């Protein structure tokens, strides 16, 4: 019979602190680019714990007390911005409601539960003088819009990061790879003419040829964890009136990129094979991964968790180090009406993170 894992009093107290902090965050609107008030709440939490911190715009970060520049550094990161509530909410999204062993509220699952669990974990290890790694805790902004004033802005201010845990709802399972994102705007060029006569060169037909290619092409390298690169045409626009042959047709491609390719390689392949003009909106949101034999992954496996590849993007996309996505909550609840997290998931998140780090620190 497996030995029952009874949490220590300190972990129980930290879980209670985490839950109280999460309720304060839920009560405070923090839409992307409007996170100043939740940043103040996180500042106040660190002040209560007498932990020095820094702030850059709406990003808050802190280092462990015995930070040693000679040691490698682990980054703990999650975000405190939220999406706007959709029209299907039946509850007040800014009222933290406990009911049926759940905590309801906007951002409770994505990613408030992860954030407060990571902050509690950081507090647990903050005063340890003998750790193998330094720890930096970063509560970042603008994750939901992949904004430039979030973690990406903060990274140059942080010490060099050896590896990271990014808190997103994974049921505490180990997302060891994450797809990157390319959004590409394409324009097929033609020549306008009168639709009643054999005039012009129809840009829609050119776009159709390119779109047909996109529906059949498969990038040859397939990721063992993320599968193939995924191409989806999501927007198309052309024409001004029924009797004019359009001279331009624009369409947008959503590309989910695996670690088998760089974003630049994907763009080059599309430019080589499409007649349309190809313009990526950015090449910032890179695919990410961490080796299965990395100590933090092995620590999670030792606790009975499993690895998988995540199709959704997070702040991992702006990191240039190995990173693991892991956190309490379930991805399917993110951005949903009447969003919630189970109360037990908060304590499981705190205890789970601590158990993983105990094995490597």
Foldseek 3Di string as FASTA:
>chain_A
DDDDDDDDPLLVVLLVVLVVLLLVLLLDAAAFVRNQVNLVSVVVVCVVLVFDWDDDRSKIKGKAPQADLVAAEEEEEEESHFHDADPPAPDDQNHFDDDPLWTWHTCAQRPSLQLSLSVSLCSVCRHDNDARHIYMYMHWGDFVVPDCRTVVVCVVVDRDHAEYEYEHADQQFKAFKEWFKWKKKWKQFKFKDFQVDPDIGASVVLVVVLVVCLVPDWDPDADPFHGTKDKDWDDKDFDDDDGMRTRMIMIMIIITHTPVDQPVVVQVVSVVPGPIDIDIPDRQQHMAGDDCPPLLNVLSVVVVHYYHHHHDGGVRRNDPHRYIYGAHHDPVLGSHHRRIGRSVRSSVRNVSVNSSSVRRD
